[in-house]
PDB file of N, CA and C in Angstrom:
ATOM      1  N   MET A   1     -95.860 225.996  98.926  1.00  0.00           N
ATOM      2  CA  MET A   1     -95.739 224.727  99.874  1.00  0.00           C
ATOM      3  C   MET A   1     -95.046 225.274 101.173  1.00  0.00           C
ATOM      4  N   LYS A   2     -95.734 225.077 102.358  1.00  0.00           N
ATOM      5  CA  LYS A   2     -94.989 225.444 103.629  1.00  0.00           C
ATOM      6  C   LYS A   2     -93.806 224.572 103.792  1.00  0.00           C
ATOM      7  N   GLN A   3     -92.818 225.252 104.458  1.00  0.00           N
ATOM      8  CA  GLN A   3     -91.624 224.497 104.807  1.00  0.00           C
ATOM      9  C   GLN A   3     -91.094 224.819 106.245  1.00  0.00           C
ATOM     10  N   TYR A   4     -90.568 223.785 106.879  1.00  0.00           N
ATOM     11  CA  TYR A   4     -90.205 223.629 108.134  1.00  0.00           C
ATOM     12  C   TYR A   4     -88.809 223.417 108.469  1.00  0.00           C
ATOM     13  N   LEU A   5     -88.253 223.644 109.629  1.00  0.00           N
ATOM     14  CA  LEU A   5     -86.912 223.375 109.986  1.00  0.00           C
ATOM     15  C   LEU A   5     -86.994 222.457 111.115  1.00  0.00           C
ATOM     16  N   ALA A   6     -86.534 221.115 111.324  1.00  0.00           N
ATOM     17  CA  ALA A   6     -86.583 220.239 112.378  1.00  0.00           C
ATOM     18  C   ALA A   6     -85.172 220.038 112.896  1.00  0.00           C
ATOM     19  N   PHE A   7     -84.915 220.118 114.167  1.00  0.00           N
ATOM     20  CA  PHE A   7     -83.790 219.659 114.883  1.00  0.00           C
ATOM     21  C   PHE A   7     -84.019 218.471 115.713  1.00  0.00           C
ATOM     22  N   ASP A   8     -82.991 217.441 115.840  1.00  0.00           N
ATOM     23  CA  ASP A   8     -83.077 216.288 116.692  1.00  0.00           C
ATOM     24  C   ASP A   8     -81.581 216.511 117.378  1.00  0.00           C
ATOM     25  N   ILE A   9     -81.657 216.960 118.716  1.00  0.00           N
ATOM     26  CA  ILE A   9     -80.370 217.356 119.248  1.00  0.00           C
ATOM     27  C   ILE A   9     -80.142 215.927 120.174  1.00  0.00           C
ATOM     28  N   GLY A  10     -79.022 215.406 119.832  1.00  0.00           N
ATOM     29  CA  GLY A  10     -78.491 214.353 120.668  1.00  0.00           C
ATOM     30  C   GLY A  10     -77.386 214.491 121.198  1.00  0.00           C
ATOM     31  N   GLY A  11     -76.735 213.657 122.098  1.00  0.00           N
ATOM     32  CA  GLY A  11     -75.648 213.664 122.868  1.00  0.00           C
ATOM     33  C   GLY A  11     -74.305 213.824 122.041  1.00  0.00           C
ATOM     34  N   THR A  12     -74.354 213.314 120.734  1.00  0.00           N
ATOM     35  CA  THR A  12     -73.234 213.385 119.871  1.00  0.00           C
ATOM     36  C   THR A  12     -73.296 214.381 118.678  1.00  0.00           C
ATOM     37  N   PHE A  13     -74.484 214.313 118.197  1.00  0.00           N
ATOM     38  CA  PHE A  13     -74.773 215.112 117.002  1.00  0.00           C
ATOM     39  C   PHE A  13     -76.178 215.889 117.143  1.00  0.00           C
ATOM     40  N   ILE A  14     -76.140 216.898 116.322  1.00  0.00           N
ATOM     41  CA  ILE A  14     -77.531 217.811 116.063  1.00  0.00           C
ATOM     42  C   ILE A  14     -77.731 217.418 114.610  1.00  0.00           C
ATOM     43  N   LYS A  15     -78.868 216.692 114.469  1.00  0.00           N
ATOM     44  CA  LYS A  15     -79.274 216.319 113.158  1.00  0.00           C
ATOM     45  C   LYS A  15     -80.524 217.273 112.782  1.00  0.00           C
ATOM     46  N   TYR A  16     -80.468 217.817 111.533  1.00  0.00           N
ATOM     47  CA  TYR A  16     -81.410 218.719 111.228  1.00  0.00           C
ATOM     48  C   TYR A  16     -81.906 218.444 109.974  1.00  0.00           C
ATOM     49  N   ALA A  17     -83.257 218.934 109.581  1.00  0.00           N
ATOM     50  CA  ALA A  17     -83.796 218.668 108.259  1.00  0.00           C
ATOM     51  C   ALA A  17     -84.620 220.032 108.026  1.00  0.00           C
ATOM     52  N   PHE A  18     -84.590 220.129 106.570  1.00  0.00           N
ATOM     53  CA  PHE A  18     -85.386 221.290 105.999  1.00  0.00           C
ATOM     54  C   PHE A  18     -86.430 220.469 105.234  1.00  0.00           C
ATOM     55  N   MET A  19     -87.786 220.666 105.640  1.00  0.00           N
ATOM     56  CA  MET A  19     -88.978 219.684 105.277  1.00  0.00           C
ATOM     57  C   MET A  19     -89.990 220.323 104.483  1.00  0.00           C
ATOM     58  N   GLY A  20     -90.644 219.716 103.655  1.00  0.00           N
ATOM     59  CA  GLY A  20     -91.769 220.226 103.148  1.00  0.00           C
ATOM     60  C   GLY A  20     -92.912 219.848 104.101  1.00  0.00           C
ATOM     61  N   GLU A  21     -94.131 220.478 103.642  1.00  0.00           N
ATOM     62  CA  GLU A  21     -95.412 220.246 104.620  1.00  0.00           C
ATOM     63  C   GLU A  21     -95.932 218.820 104.337  1.00  0.00           C
ATOM     64  N   ASP A  22     -95.386 218.202 103.289  1.00  0.00           N
ATOM     65  CA  ASP A  22     -95.946 216.772 103.335  1.00  0.00           C
ATOM     66  C   ASP A  22     -94.867 215.818 104.031  1.00  0.00           C
ATOM     67  N   GLY A  23     -93.815 216.548 104.557  1.00  0.00           N
ATOM     68  CA  GLY A  23     -92.967 215.579 105.460  1.00  0.00           C
ATOM     69  C   GLY A  23     -91.886 215.073 104.747  1.00  0.00           C
ATOM     70  N   SER A  24     -91.668 215.576 103.472  1.00  0.00           N
ATOM     71  CA  SER A  24     -90.685 215.235 102.563  1.00  0.00           C
ATOM     72  C   SER A  24     -89.173 216.067 102.948  1.00  0.00           C
ATOM     73  N   PHE A  25     -88.230 215.453 103.085  1.00  0.00           N
ATOM     74  CA  PHE A  25     -86.810 216.038 103.360  1.00  0.00           C
ATOM     75  C   PHE A  25     -86.238 216.764 102.061  1.00  0.00           C
ATOM     76  N   LEU A  26     -86.081 218.010 102.171  1.00  0.00           N
ATOM     77  CA  LEU A  26     -85.712 218.932 100.912  1.00  0.00           C
ATOM     78  C   LEU A  26     -84.190 218.887 101.227  1.00  0.00           C
ATOM     79  N   GLU A  27     -83.640 219.069 102.485  1.00  0.00           N
ATOM     80  CA  GLU A  27     -82.324 219.204 102.756  1.00  0.00           C
ATOM     81  C   GLU A  27     -82.269 218.569 104.143  1.00  0.00           C
ATOM     82  N   ASN A  28     -81.017 217.805 104.450  1.00  0.00           N
ATOM     83  CA  ASN A  28     -80.737 217.379 105.841  1.00  0.00           C
ATOM     84  C   ASN A  28     -79.235 217.316 106.196  1.00  0.00           C
ATOM     85  N   GLY A  29     -78.789 217.250 107.260  1.00  0.00           N
ATOM     86  CA  GLY A  29     -77.412 217.281 107.753  1.00  0.00           C
ATOM     87  C   GLY A  29     -77.136 217.013 109.167  1.00  0.00           C
ATOM     88  N   LYS A  30     -75.972 216.967 109.682  1.00  0.00           N
ATOM     89  CA  LYS A  30     -75.707 216.960 110.944  1.00  0.00           C
ATOM     90  C   LYS A  30     -74.527 217.652 111.344  1.00  0.00           C
ATOM     91  N   THR A  31     -74.217 217.939 112.439  1.00  0.00           N
ATOM     92  CA  THR A  31     -73.239 218.560 113.107  1.00  0.00           C
ATOM     93  C   THR A  31     -72.962 217.995 114.532  1.00  0.00           C
ATOM     94  N   PRO A  32     -71.631 218.276 114.938  1.00  0.00           N
ATOM     95  CA  PRO A  32     -71.404 217.619 116.513  1.00  0.00           C
ATOM     96  C   PRO A  32     -72.037 218.569 117.396  1.00  0.00           C
ATOM     97  N   THR A  33     -72.822 217.766 118.456  1.00  0.00           N
ATOM     98  CA  THR A  33     -73.283 218.711 119.498  1.00  0.00           C
ATOM     99  C   THR A  33     -72.290 219.406 120.373  1.00  0.00           C
ATOM    100  N   PRO A  34     -72.410 220.622 120.528  1.00  0.00           N
ATOM    101  CA  PRO A  34     -71.566 221.197 121.413  1.00  0.00           C
ATOM    102  C   PRO A  34     -71.721 220.879 122.733  1.00  0.00           C
ATOM    103  N   ALA A  35     -70.780 220.558 123.650  1.00  0.00           N
ATOM    104  CA  ALA A  35     -70.771 219.909 124.910  1.00  0.00           C
ATOM    105  C   ALA A  35     -70.496 220.880 125.960  1.00  0.00           C
ATOM    106  N   ASP A  36     -70.132 222.144 125.668  1.00  0.00           N
ATOM    107  CA  ASP A  36     -69.644 223.095 126.654  1.00  0.00           C
ATOM    108  C   ASP A  36     -70.670 224.036 127.321  1.00  0.00           C
ATOM    109  N   THR A  37     -71.393 224.732 126.544  1.00  0.00           N
ATOM    110  CA  THR A  37     -72.551 225.528 127.146  1.00  0.00           C
ATOM    111  C   THR A  37     -73.687 225.556 126.398  1.00  0.00           C
ATOM    112  N   LEU A  38     -74.710 226.251 126.896  1.00  0.00           N
ATOM    113  CA  LEU A  38     -76.175 226.188 126.277  1.00  0.00           C
ATOM    114  C   LEU A  38     -75.995 227.284 125.074  1.00  0.00           C
ATOM    115  N   ASP A  39     -75.299 228.350 125.455  1.00  0.00           N
ATOM    116  CA  ASP A  39     -74.940 229.304 124.441  1.00  0.00           C
ATOM    117  C   ASP A  39     -74.416 228.842 123.100  1.00  0.00           C
ATOM    118  N   HIS A  40     -73.492 228.070 123.334  1.00  0.00           N
ATOM    119  CA  HIS A  40     -72.812 227.466 122.083  1.00  0.00           C
ATOM    120  C   HIS A  40     -73.755 226.514 121.352  1.00  0.00           C
ATOM    121  N   LEU A  41     -74.586 225.828 122.099  1.00  0.00           N
ATOM    122  CA  LEU A  41     -75.643 224.922 121.393  1.00  0.00           C
ATOM    123  C   LEU A  41     -76.721 226.038 120.602  1.00  0.00           C
ATOM    124  N   LEU A  42     -77.102 226.863 121.179  1.00  0.00           N
ATOM    125  CA  LEU A  42     -78.155 227.803 120.619  1.00  0.00           C
ATOM    126  C   LEU A  42     -77.449 228.559 119.348  1.00  0.00           C
ATOM    127  N   ASP A  43     -75.991 228.956 119.680  1.00  0.00           N
ATOM    128  CA  ASP A  43     -75.302 229.539 118.547  1.00  0.00           C
ATOM    129  C   ASP A  43     -75.289 228.598 117.287  1.00  0.00           C
ATOM    130  N   THR A  44     -75.129 227.197 117.546  1.00  0.00           N
ATOM    131  CA  THR A  44     -75.003 226.254 116.450  1.00  0.00           C
ATOM    132  C   THR A  44     -76.301 226.197 115.788  1.00  0.00           C
ATOM    133  N   MET A  45     -77.463 226.194 116.518  1.00  0.00           N
ATOM    134  CA  MET A  45     -78.675 226.000 115.937  1.00  0.00           C
ATOM    135  C   MET A  45     -78.940 227.371 115.152  1.00  0.00           C
ATOM    136  N   THR A  46     -78.676 228.409 115.548  1.00  0.00           N
ATOM    137  CA  THR A  46     -78.805 229.662 114.942  1.00  0.00           C
ATOM    138  C   THR A  46     -78.092 229.649 113.523  1.00  0.00           C
ATOM    139  N   GLU A  47     -76.952 229.250 113.613  1.00  0.00           N
ATOM    140  CA  GLU A  47     -75.866 229.090 112.518  1.00  0.00           C
ATOM    141  C   GLU A  47     -76.749 228.233 111.341  1.00  0.00           C
ATOM    142  N   ILE A  48     -77.146 227.111 111.678  1.00  0.00           N
ATOM    143  CA  ILE A  48     -78.046 226.286 110.880  1.00  0.00           C
ATOM    144  C   ILE A  48     -79.183 226.847 110.413  1.00  0.00           C
ATOM    145  N   GLY A  49     -80.011 227.653 111.071  1.00  0.00           N
ATOM    146  CA  GLY A  49     -81.259 228.201 110.777  1.00  0.00           C
ATOM    147  C   GLY A  49     -80.912 229.307 109.678  1.00  0.00           C
ATOM    148  N   ALA A  50     -79.854 229.872 109.790  1.00  0.00           N
ATOM    149  CA  ALA A  50     -79.312 231.188 109.158  1.00  0.00           C
ATOM    150  C   ALA A  50     -79.266 230.477 107.509  1.00  0.00           C
ATOM    151  N   GLN A  51     -78.864 229.419 107.463  1.00  0.00           N
ATOM    152  CA  GLN A  51     -78.737 228.707 106.038  1.00  0.00           C
ATOM    153  C   GLN A  51     -80.169 228.591 105.282  1.00  0.00           C
ATOM    154  N   PHE A  52     -81.250 228.654 106.042  1.00  0.00           N
ATOM    155  CA  PHE A  52     -82.518 228.543 105.443  1.00  0.00           C
ATOM    156  C   PHE A  52     -83.381 229.773 105.761  1.00  0.00           C
ATOM    157  N   GLU A  53     -82.787 230.901 106.053  1.00  0.00           N
ATOM    158  CA  GLU A  53     -83.362 232.271 106.441  1.00  0.00           C
ATOM    159  C   GLU A  53     -84.590 232.564 105.433  1.00  0.00           C
ATOM    160  N   GLY A  54     -85.672 232.767 105.924  1.00  0.00           N
ATOM    161  CA  GLY A  54     -86.706 233.270 105.135  1.00  0.00           C
ATOM    162  C   GLY A  54     -87.433 232.257 104.354  1.00  0.00           C
ATOM    163  N   ARG A  55     -86.936 231.017 104.555  1.00  0.00           N
ATOM    164  CA  ARG A  55     -87.517 229.791 103.804  1.00  0.00           C
ATOM    165  C   ARG A  55     -88.465 228.929 104.524  1.00  0.00           C
ATOM    166  N   PHE A  56     -88.534 229.201 105.860  1.00  0.00           N
ATOM    167  CA  PHE A  56     -89.316 228.215 106.578  1.00  0.00           C
ATOM    168  C   PHE A  56     -90.340 228.879 107.722  1.00  0.00           C
ATOM    169  N   GLU A  57     -91.464 228.260 107.851  1.00  0.00           N
ATOM    170  CA  GLU A  57     -92.512 228.826 108.606  1.00  0.00           C
ATOM    171  C   GLU A  57     -92.573 228.364 110.136  1.00  0.00           C
ATOM    172  N   GLY A  58     -91.795 227.295 110.287  1.00  0.00           N
ATOM    173  CA  GLY A  58     -91.865 226.928 111.696  1.00  0.00           C
ATOM    174  C   GLY A  58     -90.694 226.138 112.103  1.00  0.00           C
ATOM    175  N   VAL A  59     -90.386 225.853 113.328  1.00  0.00           N
ATOM    176  CA  VAL A  59     -89.325 225.018 113.673  1.00  0.00           C
ATOM    177  C   VAL A  59     -89.793 223.961 114.830  1.00  0.00           C
ATOM    178  N   ALA A  60     -89.218 222.789 114.615  1.00  0.00           N
ATOM    179  CA  ALA A  60     -89.493 221.640 115.691  1.00  0.00           C
ATOM    180  C   ALA A  60     -88.139 221.265 116.255  1.00  0.00           C
ATOM    181  N   VAL A  61     -88.151 221.156 117.512  1.00  0.00           N
ATOM    182  CA  VAL A  61     -86.856 220.445 118.190  1.00  0.00           C
ATOM    183  C   VAL A  61     -87.337 219.354 118.969  1.00  0.00           C
ATOM    184  N   SER A  62     -86.357 218.346 119.028  1.00  0.00           N
ATOM    185  CA  SER A  62     -86.638 217.278 119.812  1.00  0.00           C
ATOM    186  C   SER A  62     -85.249 217.026 120.637  1.00  0.00           C
ATOM    187  N   MET A  63     -85.361 216.501 121.839  1.00  0.00           N
ATOM    188  CA  MET A  63     -84.094 216.535 122.688  1.00  0.00           C
ATOM    189  C   MET A  63     -84.310 215.557 123.940  1.00  0.00           C
ATOM    190  N   PRO A  64     -83.344 215.002 124.510  1.00  0.00           N
ATOM    191  CA  PRO A  64     -83.626 214.117 125.674  1.00  0.00           C
ATOM    192  C   PRO A  64     -83.819 215.034 126.814  1.00  0.00           C
ATOM    193  N   ASP A  65     -84.372 214.584 127.816  1.00  0.00           N
ATOM    194  CA  ASP A  65     -84.649 215.370 128.917  1.00  0.00           C
ATOM    195  C   ASP A  65     -83.705 215.254 130.033  1.00  0.00           C
TER     196      ASP A  65
END
């Protein structure tokens, strides 16, 4: 089964889900959204992704404009 990592970046939290190809949630969580720099935001997303390293085939990101 293919698996994916999805991020929903909000003003307060980054919510994330490790999902199966059928849309099922295999794992999920949230962490505070860094408000200081883009680099800190990307570092946070990288740390989350490292928890699932080698287990997902794609990444989806949603965020306000």
